[in-house]
């Protein structure tokens, strides 16, 4: 994967984790931030 692809994926995960727009996000909203924590 190129660097731009990785950045886009991280941005999407940030948006999913930061915007609780649907009820499911409360149950799995911790996963994107956890993945970002591992990557960073």
C-alpha atoms as a PDB file:
ATOM      1  CA  UNK A   1       0.000   0.000   0.000  1.00  0.00           C
ATOM      2  CA  UNK A   2       1.110   3.527  -0.680  1.00  0.00           C
ATOM      3  CA  UNK A   3       1.388   6.175   2.005  1.00  0.00           C
ATOM      4  CA  UNK A   4      -1.658   8.046   0.680  1.00  0.00           C
ATOM      5  CA  UNK A   5      -3.774   4.884   0.913  1.00  0.00           C
ATOM      6  CA  UNK A   6      -2.767   4.374   4.542  1.00  0.00           C
ATOM      7  CA  UNK A   7      -3.552   8.018   5.374  1.00  0.00           C
ATOM      8  CA  UNK A   8      -6.993   7.751   3.753  1.00  0.00           C
ATOM      9  CA  UNK A   9      -7.770   4.588   5.720  1.00  0.00           C
ATOM     10  CA  UNK A  10      -6.684   6.253   8.977  1.00  0.00           C
ATOM     11  CA  UNK A  11      -8.866   9.284   8.237  1.00  0.00           C
ATOM     12  CA  UNK A  12     -11.872   7.041   7.589  1.00  0.00           C
ATOM     13  CA  UNK A  13     -11.265   5.196  10.858  1.00  0.00           C
ATOM     14  CA  UNK A  14     -10.992   8.527  12.679  1.00  0.00           C
ATOM     15  CA  UNK A  15     -14.317   9.657  11.218  1.00  0.00           C
ATOM     16  CA  UNK A  16     -15.987   6.379  12.162  1.00  0.00           C
ATOM     17  CA  UNK A  17     -14.621   6.584  15.706  1.00  0.00           C
ATOM     18  CA  UNK A  18     -15.273  10.300  16.184  1.00  0.00           C
ATOM     19  CA  UNK A  19     -18.820  10.573  14.823  1.00  0.00           C
ATOM     20  CA  UNK A  20     -21.327   8.393  16.722  1.00  0.00           C
ATOM     21  CA  UNK A  21     -24.012   8.750  14.056  1.00  0.00           C
ATOM     22  CA  UNK A  22     -25.675   5.383  14.624  1.00  0.00           C
ATOM     23  CA  UNK A  23     -26.432   3.241  17.728  1.00  0.00           C
ATOM     24  CA  UNK A  24     -24.009   0.468  16.723  1.00  0.00           C
ATOM     25  CA  UNK A  25     -21.079   2.854  16.982  1.00  0.00           C
ATOM     26  CA  UNK A  26     -21.401   2.841  20.763  1.00  0.00           C
ATOM     27  CA  UNK A  27     -20.604  -0.875  20.887  1.00  0.00           C
ATOM     28  CA  UNK A  28     -17.783  -1.001  18.319  1.00  0.00           C
ATOM     29  CA  UNK A  29     -16.662   2.625  18.408  1.00  0.00           C
ATOM     30  CA  UNK A  30     -13.647   1.644  20.514  1.00  0.00           C
ATOM     31  CA  UNK A  31     -12.143  -0.479  17.736  1.00  0.00           C
ATOM     32  CA  UNK A  32     -11.062   2.345  15.342  1.00  0.00           C
ATOM     33  CA  UNK A  33      -9.399   4.285  18.156  1.00  0.00           C
ATOM     34  CA  UNK A  34      -7.770   1.084  19.388  1.00  0.00           C
ATOM     35  CA  UNK A  35      -6.419   0.339  15.916  1.00  0.00           C
ATOM     36  CA  UNK A  36      -5.147   3.910  15.598  1.00  0.00           C
ATOM     37  CA  UNK A  37      -3.491   3.590  18.989  1.00  0.00           C
ATOM     38  CA  UNK A  38      -1.660   0.475  17.832  1.00  0.00           C
ATOM     39  CA  UNK A  39      -0.606   2.089  14.538  1.00  0.00           C
ATOM     40  CA  UNK A  40       0.553   5.329  16.148  1.00  0.00           C
END
